[in-house]
Protein backbone atom coordinates (compact mmCIF):
# COMPACT_ATOMS: atom_id res chain seq x y z
CA UNK A 1 249.88 9.13 276.57
CA UNK A 2 250.28 7.21 279.84
CA UNK A 3 253.52 5.27 280.52
CA UNK A 4 254.39 7.56 283.47
CA UNK A 5 254.62 10.48 281.05
CA UNK A 6 257.63 8.85 279.42
CA UNK A 7 256.41 9.60 275.91
CA UNK A 8 256.36 13.18 274.67
CA UNK A 9 254.20 13.85 271.61
CA UNK A 10 255.03 17.13 269.93
CA UNK A 11 252.94 18.70 267.16
CA UNK A 12 255.26 20.14 264.55
CA UNK A 13 254.46 21.78 261.17
CA UNK A 14 254.62 18.52 259.17
CA UNK A 15 253.70 15.88 261.75
CA UNK A 16 253.78 14.54 265.28
CA UNK A 17 257.09 13.47 266.80
CA UNK A 18 256.96 10.95 269.63
CA UNK A 19 260.00 11.03 271.92
CA UNK A 20 261.30 9.32 275.06
CA UNK A 21 261.59 11.74 277.99
CA UNK A 22 263.78 9.28 279.91
CA UNK A 23 266.54 9.20 277.27
CA UNK A 24 268.40 11.93 275.42
CA UNK A 25 270.22 12.01 272.12
CA UNK A 26 272.38 15.05 271.33
CA UNK A 27 270.77 17.04 274.15
CA UNK A 28 267.14 16.34 273.19
CA UNK A 29 264.62 13.61 273.97
CA UNK A 30 265.29 10.47 271.94
CA UNK A 31 262.93 10.22 268.97
CA UNK A 32 260.72 7.13 268.96
CA UNK A 33 258.36 7.69 266.04
CA UNK A 34 256.94 10.19 263.55
CA UNK A 35 253.40 10.53 262.19
CA UNK A 36 253.17 12.58 258.99
CA UNK A 37 249.98 14.71 258.77
CA UNK A 38 249.74 14.42 254.97
CA UNK A 39 250.27 10.69 254.52
CA UNK A 40 249.19 9.62 258.04
CA UNK A 41 251.97 7.03 257.87
CA UNK A 42 253.60 6.18 261.19
CA UNK A 43 257.35 5.57 261.18
CA UNK A 44 258.61 3.79 264.31
CA UNK A 45 262.35 4.11 265.03
CA UNK A 46 264.29 0.82 265.22
CA UNK A 47 265.41 1.57 268.80
CA UNK A 48 261.86 2.17 270.07
CA UNK A 49 261.01 -0.25 272.92
CA UNK A 50 258.17 -2.61 272.03
CA UNK A 51 255.87 -1.48 274.87
CA UNK A 52 256.28 2.16 273.90
CA UNK A 53 255.76 1.35 270.22
CA UNK A 54 252.42 -0.28 271.06
CA UNK A 55 251.33 2.81 272.98
CA UNK A 56 252.43 5.08 270.15
CA UNK A 57 250.58 2.97 267.56
CA UNK A 58 247.39 3.23 269.64
CA UNK A 59 247.70 7.01 269.93
CA UNK A 60 248.52 7.39 266.23
CA UNK A 61 245.50 5.25 265.30
CA UNK A 62 243.18 7.79 266.95
CA UNK A 63 244.67 10.50 264.74
CA UNK A 64 244.72 8.33 261.61
CA UNK A 65 241.01 7.65 262.13
CA UNK A 66 240.38 11.37 261.70
CA UNK A 67 241.50 11.41 258.04
CA UNK A 68 239.89 14.34 256.25
CA UNK A 69 239.21 16.29 259.47
CA UNK A 70 240.81 19.56 260.49
CA UNK A 71 243.54 19.20 263.13
CA UNK A 72 244.95 22.08 265.20
CA UNK A 73 248.75 22.20 265.18
CA UNK A 74 249.19 25.67 266.68
CA UNK A 75 247.04 28.27 268.35
CA UNK A 76 245.67 29.68 265.11
CA UNK A 77 246.83 27.08 262.59
CA UNK A 78 245.18 23.85 261.49
CA UNK A 79 245.60 21.36 258.66
CA UNK A 80 243.40 18.71 257.06
CA UNK A 81 244.65 15.24 257.99
CA UNK A 82 245.59 12.98 255.10
CA UNK A 83 245.73 15.68 252.41
């Protein structure tokens, strides 16, 4: 992710959370979007700036295109995307 490293993408057990490193909500980066590993559906938050949403959609598309492939989410843990 480019945008001056403004977007943080964190791999969590059920999906990828995209967050804004320049804004905080309740002491944590403000959530911008979520990509569920099982459904591969991307949920963009209503407060996500348009330019950042476009960048997130592009990044998510690269992951969505890997449906059926194994995806590492931790050092020794991986899941099959879209299942």
